[in-house]
């Protein structure tokens, strides 16, 4: 997780500017905020990826449902990681 996407850095910089804290290094603060946002984005992507496993327990059609939900989960996780908006 070395590289922070530009959309996340932009949000983090805006947060730092809105705080108006001249006593601290705004670059370090922005990076810390950006890393927190990136971690949350990854957590959301993992939730999307693991959701398909929870949707099919005990269902006789589980293999078909599981395949389609797995594909949807991968698509959703990719969209989250890319920062796509609805």
Protein backbone atom coordinates (compact mmCIF):
# COMPACT_ATOMS: atom_id res chain seq x y z
CA UNK A 1 0.00 0.00 0.00
CA UNK A 2 2.82 2.37 -0.88
CA UNK A 3 1.05 4.32 -3.59
CA UNK A 4 -1.92 6.45 -2.60
CA UNK A 5 -4.46 7.13 -5.37
CA UNK A 6 -4.78 10.79 -6.36
CA UNK A 7 -8.49 10.98 -5.52
CA UNK A 8 -7.73 10.01 -1.93
CA UNK A 9 -4.82 12.47 -1.68
CA UNK A 10 -7.08 15.26 -2.94
CA UNK A 11 -9.65 14.57 -0.23
CA UNK A 12 -6.96 14.33 2.45
CA UNK A 13 -5.42 17.65 1.39
CA UNK A 14 -8.83 19.33 1.53
CA UNK A 15 -9.36 17.98 5.04
CA UNK A 16 -5.98 19.32 6.18
CA UNK A 17 -6.69 22.74 4.63
CA UNK A 18 -10.12 22.87 6.27
CA UNK A 19 -8.52 22.29 9.67
CA UNK A 20 -6.24 25.29 9.18
CA UNK A 21 -3.61 23.85 11.50
CA UNK A 22 -0.42 25.75 10.60
CA UNK A 23 1.48 24.23 13.54
CA UNK A 24 1.78 20.84 11.87
CA UNK A 25 3.25 19.68 8.59
CA UNK A 26 0.27 19.56 6.27
CA UNK A 27 2.02 17.04 3.99
CA UNK A 28 2.43 14.53 6.80
CA UNK A 29 -1.12 15.12 8.01
CA UNK A 30 -2.52 14.70 4.50
CA UNK A 31 -0.60 11.46 4.04
CA UNK A 32 -1.85 10.07 7.37
CA UNK A 33 -5.44 10.95 6.48
CA UNK A 34 -5.01 9.50 2.98
CA UNK A 35 -3.66 6.22 4.35
CA UNK A 36 -6.65 5.97 6.70
CA UNK A 37 -9.04 6.52 3.78
CA UNK A 38 -7.16 3.94 1.71
CA UNK A 39 -7.42 1.38 4.52
CA UNK A 40 -11.16 1.98 4.75
CA UNK A 41 -11.52 1.62 0.98
CA UNK A 42 -9.69 -1.71 1.13
CA UNK A 43 -11.88 -2.86 4.04
CA UNK A 44 -14.97 -2.11 1.94
CA UNK A 45 -13.53 -4.03 -1.00
CA UNK A 46 -12.86 -7.04 1.22
CA UNK A 47 -16.44 -6.90 2.53
CA UNK A 48 -17.67 -6.97 -1.08
CA UNK A 49 -15.44 -9.93 -1.91
CA UNK A 50 -16.50 -11.99 1.11
CA UNK A 51 -20.22 -11.25 0.85
CA UNK A 52 -20.79 -13.87 -1.87
CA UNK A 53 -19.73 -16.66 0.49
CA UNK A 54 -22.45 -15.68 2.96
CA UNK A 55 -25.31 -15.58 0.46
CA UNK A 56 -25.54 -19.25 -0.46
CA UNK A 57 -25.42 -21.38 2.67
CA UNK A 58 -27.99 -24.18 2.56
CA UNK A 59 -29.32 -23.32 -0.89
CA UNK A 60 -29.63 -26.13 -3.45
CA UNK A 61 -28.85 -23.61 -6.20
CA UNK A 62 -25.74 -22.45 -4.37
CA UNK A 63 -23.20 -23.22 -7.15
CA UNK A 64 -25.02 -21.04 -9.70
CA UNK A 65 -25.75 -18.29 -7.20
CA UNK A 66 -22.22 -18.42 -5.87
CA UNK A 67 -20.69 -18.03 -9.35
CA UNK A 68 -22.81 -14.99 -10.14
CA UNK A 69 -22.34 -13.37 -6.75
CA UNK A 70 -18.58 -14.00 -6.95
CA UNK A 71 -18.44 -12.17 -10.29
CA UNK A 72 -20.52 -9.31 -8.90
CA UNK A 73 -18.38 -9.17 -5.76
CA UNK A 74 -15.17 -8.93 -7.81
CA UNK A 75 -16.67 -6.16 -9.93
CA UNK A 76 -17.83 -4.22 -6.86
CA UNK A 77 -14.48 -4.64 -5.07
CA UNK A 78 -12.64 -3.41 -8.17
CA UNK A 79 -14.90 -0.37 -8.40
CA UNK A 80 -14.31 0.45 -4.73
CA UNK A 81 -10.55 0.11 -5.09
CA UNK A 82 -10.55 2.39 -8.14
CA UNK A 83 -12.56 5.04 -6.30
CA UNK A 84 -15.44 4.92 -8.76
CA UNK A 85 -18.53 6.86 -7.78
CA UNK A 86 -22.14 5.94 -8.47
